[in-house]
Amino acid sequence: MDYINAFWVGGLICALVQILMEKTKLMPGRIMVLLVCSGAVLGALNIYQPFQEFAGAGASVPLLGFGNLLWKGVKESIASDGFLGIFMGGFTASAVGISAALIFGYLASLVFNPKMKK
């Protein structure tokens, strides 16, 4: 059942974002920022954690989950480091995921032949 919940919740998030992209004139970069900020706000309001526990990877993998991860890192860092935690928390919480994306992207560029669009 966990797989089914992750599938339909992740699909619903993606479908809503696709509708937002098609029906508004917002650029994709702005939509991405909106999703990350929304995830952080929902995490701050303690709404996202129960949602993530229900949906699993369907809620943690999209950009909403990344915003929630940033919020958790900032919150934990503020508790341990005080005011400076505002600046450090998001970096420490997301460092592994961002590093993995960079490394695997680089490895994929070695395996495949990337080309610029014309």
N, C-alpha and C. Protein backbone atom coordinates (compact mmCIF):
# COMPACT_ATOMS: atom_id res chain seq x y z
N MET A 1 0.82 -1.20 0.00
CA MET A 1 0.00 0.00 0.00
C MET A 1 0.86 1.26 0.00
N ASP A 2 2.07 1.17 0.59
CA ASP A 2 2.96 2.33 0.61
C ASP A 2 3.33 2.76 -0.80
N TYR A 3 3.56 1.79 -1.67
CA TYR A 3 3.92 2.11 -3.06
C TYR A 3 2.76 2.80 -3.78
N ILE A 4 1.56 2.34 -3.52
CA ILE A 4 0.39 2.93 -4.18
C ILE A 4 0.19 4.37 -3.71
N ASN A 5 0.31 4.60 -2.40
CA ASN A 5 0.17 5.97 -1.88
C ASN A 5 1.25 6.89 -2.44
N ALA A 6 2.49 6.39 -2.50
CA ALA A 6 3.57 7.20 -3.05
C ALA A 6 3.30 7.52 -4.52
N PHE A 7 2.80 6.55 -5.25
CA PHE A 7 2.55 6.74 -6.68
C PHE A 7 1.46 7.78 -6.92
N TRP A 8 0.32 7.64 -6.24
CA TRP A 8 -0.77 8.56 -6.56
C TRP A 8 -0.52 9.96 -6.00
N VAL A 9 0.14 10.07 -4.85
CA VAL A 9 0.43 11.40 -4.31
C VAL A 9 1.47 12.11 -5.16
N GLY A 10 2.55 11.41 -5.52
CA GLY A 10 3.56 12.01 -6.39
C GLY A 10 2.98 12.38 -7.74
N GLY A 11 2.14 11.51 -8.28
CA GLY A 11 1.48 11.81 -9.55
C GLY A 11 0.56 13.01 -9.47
N LEU A 12 -0.16 13.13 -8.36
CA LEU A 12 -1.06 14.26 -8.17
C LEU A 12 -0.28 15.57 -8.07
N ILE A 13 0.84 15.56 -7.34
CA ILE A 13 1.68 16.76 -7.24
C ILE A 13 2.18 17.15 -8.63
N CYS A 14 2.67 16.17 -9.38
CA CYS A 14 3.18 16.46 -10.72
C CYS A 14 2.07 16.94 -11.65
N ALA A 15 0.88 16.36 -11.55
CA ALA A 15 -0.23 16.78 -12.39
C ALA A 15 -0.64 18.22 -12.06
N LEU A 16 -0.68 18.55 -10.78
CA LEU A 16 -1.04 19.92 -10.39
C LEU A 16 0.00 20.93 -10.89
N VAL A 17 1.26 20.56 -10.83
CA VAL A 17 2.31 21.45 -11.33
C VAL A 17 2.20 21.59 -12.84
N GLN A 18 1.89 20.50 -13.53
CA GLN A 18 1.73 20.57 -14.98
C GLN A 18 0.57 21.47 -15.36
N ILE A 19 -0.53 21.38 -14.63
CA ILE A 19 -1.67 22.27 -14.87
C ILE A 19 -1.26 23.71 -14.62
N LEU A 20 -0.51 23.95 -13.55
CA LEU A 20 -0.04 25.30 -13.24
C LEU A 20 0.84 25.84 -14.37
N MET A 21 1.69 24.98 -14.93
CA MET A 21 2.57 25.41 -16.03
C MET A 21 1.77 25.72 -17.29
N GLU A 22 0.74 24.94 -17.56
CA GLU A 22 -0.03 25.11 -18.79
C GLU A 22 -1.02 26.27 -18.72
N LYS A 23 -1.61 26.49 -17.55
CA LYS A 23 -2.69 27.47 -17.43
C LYS A 23 -2.24 28.85 -16.98
N THR A 24 -1.00 28.99 -16.55
CA THR A 24 -0.51 30.31 -16.15
C THR A 24 0.67 30.69 -17.02
N LYS A 25 1.09 31.91 -16.90
CA LYS A 25 2.25 32.38 -17.65
C LYS A 25 3.51 32.37 -16.81
N LEU A 26 3.47 31.62 -15.69
CA LEU A 26 4.64 31.53 -14.83
C LEU A 26 5.74 30.74 -15.51
N MET A 27 6.95 31.21 -15.39
CA MET A 27 8.10 30.50 -15.95
C MET A 27 8.43 29.30 -15.05
N PRO A 28 9.02 28.25 -15.61
CA PRO A 28 9.32 27.06 -14.81
C PRO A 28 10.19 27.34 -13.59
N GLY A 29 11.14 28.25 -13.70
CA GLY A 29 11.98 28.60 -12.55
C GLY A 29 11.17 29.18 -11.41
N ARG A 30 10.20 29.99 -11.72
CA ARG A 30 9.36 30.58 -10.67
C ARG A 30 8.46 29.53 -10.03
N ILE A 31 8.00 28.59 -10.84
CA ILE A 31 7.18 27.51 -10.29
C ILE A 31 8.02 26.65 -9.35
N MET A 32 9.27 26.40 -9.71
CA MET A 32 10.16 25.62 -8.84
C MET A 32 10.39 26.34 -7.52
N VAL A 33 10.61 27.64 -7.57
CA VAL A 33 10.80 28.42 -6.34
C VAL A 33 9.52 28.39 -5.51
N LEU A 34 8.38 28.50 -6.17
CA LEU A 34 7.09 28.44 -5.47
C LEU A 34 6.92 27.10 -4.76
N LEU A 35 7.32 26.00 -5.40
CA LEU A 35 7.20 24.69 -4.79
C LEU A 35 8.12 24.53 -3.58
N VAL A 36 9.36 24.97 -3.72
CA VAL A 36 10.30 24.85 -2.61
C VAL A 36 9.84 25.70 -1.43
N CYS A 37 9.41 26.92 -1.70
CA CYS A 37 8.93 27.80 -0.62
C CYS A 37 7.66 27.24 0.01
N SER A 38 6.78 26.66 -0.79
CA SER A 38 5.55 26.06 -0.26
C SER A 38 5.88 24.89 0.65
N GLY A 39 6.84 24.06 0.25
CA GLY A 39 7.25 22.95 1.10
C GLY A 39 7.82 23.42 2.42
N ALA A 40 8.60 24.50 2.39
CA ALA A 40 9.16 25.05 3.63
C ALA A 40 8.06 25.62 4.52
N VAL A 41 7.11 26.32 3.94
CA VAL A 41 6.01 26.90 4.73
C VAL A 41 5.13 25.79 5.32
N LEU A 42 4.82 24.77 4.51
CA LEU A 42 4.02 23.66 5.03
C LEU A 42 4.76 22.90 6.13
N GLY A 43 6.08 22.81 6.00
CA GLY A 43 6.88 22.20 7.07
C GLY A 43 6.87 23.04 8.33
N ALA A 44 6.95 24.35 8.18
CA ALA A 44 6.93 25.25 9.34
C ALA A 44 5.59 25.20 10.06
N LEU A 45 4.53 24.95 9.31
CA LEU A 45 3.20 24.86 9.91
C LEU A 45 2.88 23.45 10.41
N ASN A 46 3.86 22.54 10.34
CA ASN A 46 3.70 21.14 10.76
C ASN A 46 2.60 20.41 10.00
N ILE A 47 2.40 20.79 8.74
CA ILE A 47 1.43 20.12 7.88
C ILE A 47 2.11 19.08 7.00
N TYR A 48 3.34 19.35 6.60
CA TYR A 48 4.00 18.49 5.62
C TYR A 48 4.46 17.16 6.20
N GLN A 49 4.87 17.12 7.46
CA GLN A 49 5.40 15.88 8.03
C GLN A 49 4.38 14.75 8.05
N PRO A 50 3.14 14.97 8.52
CA PRO A 50 2.15 13.87 8.45
C PRO A 50 1.84 13.47 7.01
N PHE A 51 1.82 14.45 6.12
CA PHE A 51 1.59 14.18 4.69
C PHE A 51 2.72 13.32 4.14
N GLN A 52 3.96 13.60 4.52
CA GLN A 52 5.11 12.84 4.06
C GLN A 52 5.12 11.44 4.65
N GLU A 53 4.70 11.29 5.89
CA GLU A 53 4.63 9.97 6.49
C GLU A 53 3.60 9.10 5.78
N PHE A 54 2.50 9.71 5.32
CA PHE A 54 1.47 8.97 4.60
C PHE A 54 1.94 8.59 3.19
N ALA A 55 2.54 9.54 2.48
CA ALA A 55 2.86 9.34 1.07
C ALA A 55 4.27 8.83 0.82
N GLY A 56 5.15 8.91 1.80
CA GLY A 56 6.52 8.41 1.61
C GLY A 56 7.26 9.18 0.52
N ALA A 57 7.85 8.43 -0.41
CA ALA A 57 8.65 9.05 -1.47
C ALA A 57 7.80 9.90 -2.40
N GLY A 58 6.50 9.67 -2.46
CA GLY A 58 5.63 10.50 -3.28
C GLY A 58 5.57 11.94 -2.81
N ALA A 59 5.89 12.16 -1.56
CA ALA A 59 5.90 13.51 -1.01
C ALA A 59 7.30 14.03 -0.74
N SER A 60 8.26 13.13 -0.54
CA SER A 60 9.61 13.59 -0.20
C SER A 60 10.48 13.86 -1.41
N VAL A 61 10.18 13.24 -2.54
CA VAL A 61 11.03 13.40 -3.72
C VAL A 61 10.74 14.69 -4.49
N PRO A 62 9.49 15.11 -4.68
CA PRO A 62 9.26 16.37 -5.42
C PRO A 62 9.85 17.59 -4.71
N LEU A 63 9.82 18.71 -5.37
CA LEU A 63 10.41 19.94 -4.83
C LEU A 63 9.76 20.39 -3.52
N LEU A 64 8.51 20.02 -3.31
CA LEU A 64 7.89 20.32 -2.01
C LEU A 64 8.68 19.65 -0.89
N GLY A 65 9.10 18.43 -1.12
CA GLY A 65 9.90 17.71 -0.13
C GLY A 65 11.25 18.35 0.10
N PHE A 66 11.84 18.91 -0.96
CA PHE A 66 13.12 19.60 -0.81
C PHE A 66 12.96 20.84 0.06
N GLY A 67 11.89 21.58 -0.14
CA GLY A 67 11.63 22.75 0.72
C GLY A 67 11.43 22.35 2.16
N ASN A 68 10.73 21.25 2.38
CA ASN A 68 10.53 20.75 3.73
C ASN A 68 11.86 20.32 4.35
N LEU A 69 12.72 19.68 3.56
CA LEU A 69 14.04 19.29 4.04
C LEU A 69 14.87 20.50 4.45
N LEU A 70 14.82 21.56 3.64
CA LEU A 70 15.53 22.78 3.99
C LEU A 70 15.01 23.35 5.31
N TRP A 71 13.70 23.36 5.46
CA TRP A 71 13.12 23.89 6.70
C TRP A 71 13.57 23.08 7.90
N LYS A 72 13.54 21.74 7.78
CA LYS A 72 13.98 20.90 8.90
C LYS A 72 15.43 21.18 9.27
N GLY A 73 16.28 21.34 8.26
CA GLY A 73 17.69 21.62 8.52
C GLY A 73 17.88 22.95 9.23
N VAL A 74 17.15 23.96 8.79
CA VAL A 74 17.26 25.28 9.42
C VAL A 74 16.75 25.22 10.86
N LYS A 75 15.64 24.54 11.06
CA LYS A 75 15.07 24.44 12.40
C LYS A 75 16.03 23.73 13.37
N GLU A 76 16.62 22.62 12.93
CA GLU A 76 17.56 21.89 13.79
C GLU A 76 18.83 22.71 14.04
N SER A 77 19.29 23.41 13.01
CA SER A 77 20.51 24.18 13.15
C SER A 77 20.30 25.40 14.06
N ILE A 78 19.14 25.99 14.01
CA ILE A 78 18.84 27.11 14.90
C ILE A 78 18.83 26.62 16.35
N ALA A 79 18.29 25.41 16.56
CA ALA A 79 18.24 24.87 17.92
C ALA A 79 19.64 24.61 18.47
N SER A 80 20.57 24.21 17.59
CA SER A 80 21.91 23.89 18.09
C SER A 80 22.90 25.05 17.98
N ASP A 81 22.78 25.90 16.96
CA ASP A 81 23.77 26.94 16.72
C ASP A 81 23.25 28.36 16.90
N GLY A 82 21.98 28.51 17.18
CA GLY A 82 21.43 29.84 17.36
C GLY A 82 21.18 30.55 16.04
N PHE A 83 21.39 31.84 16.04
CA PHE A 83 21.08 32.68 14.88
C PHE A 83 21.82 32.25 13.62
N LEU A 84 23.06 31.82 13.75
CA LEU A 84 23.82 31.39 12.57
C LEU A 84 23.23 30.16 11.91
N GLY A 85 22.41 29.42 12.64
CA GLY A 85 21.75 28.25 12.08
C GLY A 85 20.83 28.58 10.92
N ILE A 86 20.34 29.81 10.88
CA ILE A 86 19.50 30.24 9.76
C ILE A 86 20.26 30.09 8.45
N PHE A 87 21.53 30.39 8.48
CA PHE A 87 22.34 30.38 7.26
C PHE A 87 22.96 29.01 6.98
N MET A 88 23.19 28.21 8.03
CA MET A 88 23.89 26.94 7.86
C MET A 88 22.95 25.76 7.67
N GLY A 89 21.78 25.79 8.24
CA GLY A 89 20.92 24.62 8.31
C GLY A 89 20.50 24.04 6.98
N GLY A 90 20.10 24.88 6.06
CA GLY A 90 19.66 24.39 4.76
C GLY A 90 20.78 23.72 3.98
N PHE A 91 21.98 24.27 4.13
CA PHE A 91 23.13 23.69 3.41
C PHE A 91 23.49 22.32 3.97
N THR A 92 23.53 22.20 5.28
CA THR A 92 23.93 20.92 5.87
C THR A 92 22.87 19.85 5.64
N ALA A 93 21.59 20.22 5.64
CA ALA A 93 20.53 19.24 5.45
C ALA A 93 20.46 18.72 4.02
N SER A 94 20.80 19.56 3.06
CA SER A 94 20.64 19.17 1.66
C SER A 94 21.96 18.85 0.96
N ALA A 95 23.06 18.88 1.67
CA ALA A 95 24.37 18.71 1.03
C ALA A 95 24.52 17.35 0.35
N VAL A 96 24.08 16.29 0.99
CA VAL A 96 24.25 14.95 0.41
C VAL A 96 23.43 14.81 -0.87
N GLY A 97 22.20 15.25 -0.86
CA GLY A 97 21.35 15.14 -2.05
C GLY A 97 21.86 15.97 -3.21
N ILE A 98 22.29 17.18 -2.94
CA ILE A 98 22.82 18.04 -4.01
C ILE A 98 24.13 17.47 -4.54
N SER A 99 24.98 16.98 -3.66
CA SER A 99 26.25 16.37 -4.10
C SER A 99 25.99 15.15 -4.98
N ALA A 100 25.05 14.31 -4.57
CA ALA A 100 24.72 13.13 -5.37
C ALA A 100 24.19 13.52 -6.74
N ALA A 101 23.36 14.55 -6.81
CA ALA A 101 22.83 14.99 -8.10
C ALA A 101 23.95 15.48 -9.01
N LEU A 102 24.89 16.22 -8.45
CA LEU A 102 26.02 16.71 -9.25
C LEU A 102 26.91 15.56 -9.73
N ILE A 103 27.21 14.63 -8.85
CA ILE A 103 28.09 13.51 -9.21
C ILE A 103 27.43 12.62 -10.26
N PHE A 104 26.17 12.26 -10.05
CA PHE A 104 25.50 11.39 -11.01
C PHE A 104 25.25 12.11 -12.34
N GLY A 105 25.00 13.40 -12.29
CA GLY A 105 24.87 14.17 -13.53
C GLY A 105 26.17 14.19 -14.31
N TYR A 106 27.28 14.34 -13.61
CA TYR A 106 28.59 14.32 -14.26
C TYR A 106 28.88 12.94 -14.85
N LEU A 107 28.59 11.88 -14.10
CA LEU A 107 28.82 10.53 -14.61
C LEU A 107 27.95 10.24 -15.83
N ALA A 108 26.71 10.72 -15.80
CA ALA A 108 25.84 10.54 -16.96
C ALA A 108 26.38 11.28 -18.18
N SER A 109 26.99 12.44 -17.97
CA SER A 109 27.56 13.18 -19.10
C SER A 109 28.78 12.47 -19.67
N LEU A 110 29.45 11.65 -18.86
CA LEU A 110 30.59 10.87 -19.38
C LEU A 110 30.11 9.68 -20.19
N VAL A 111 29.01 9.08 -19.78
CA VAL A 111 28.48 7.90 -20.46
C VAL A 111 27.79 8.29 -21.76
N PHE A 112 27.01 9.33 -21.72
CA PHE A 112 26.25 9.77 -22.89
C PHE A 112 26.95 10.96 -23.53
N ASN A 113 26.52 11.31 -24.72
CA ASN A 113 27.13 12.40 -25.46
C ASN A 113 26.20 13.62 -25.40
N PRO A 114 26.40 14.51 -24.43
CA PRO A 114 25.50 15.66 -24.34
C PRO A 114 25.74 16.64 -25.47
N LYS A 115 24.65 17.23 -25.95
CA LYS A 115 24.73 18.21 -27.03
C LYS A 115 23.87 19.41 -26.66
N MET A 116 24.29 20.56 -27.12
CA MET A 116 23.50 21.78 -26.94
C MET A 116 22.33 21.77 -27.91
N LYS A 117 21.21 22.33 -27.48
CA LYS A 117 20.06 22.45 -28.38
C LYS A 117 20.35 23.51 -29.42
N LYS A 118 19.86 23.29 -30.61
CA LYS A 118 20.08 24.27 -31.68
C LYS A 118 18.82 25.02 -31.97
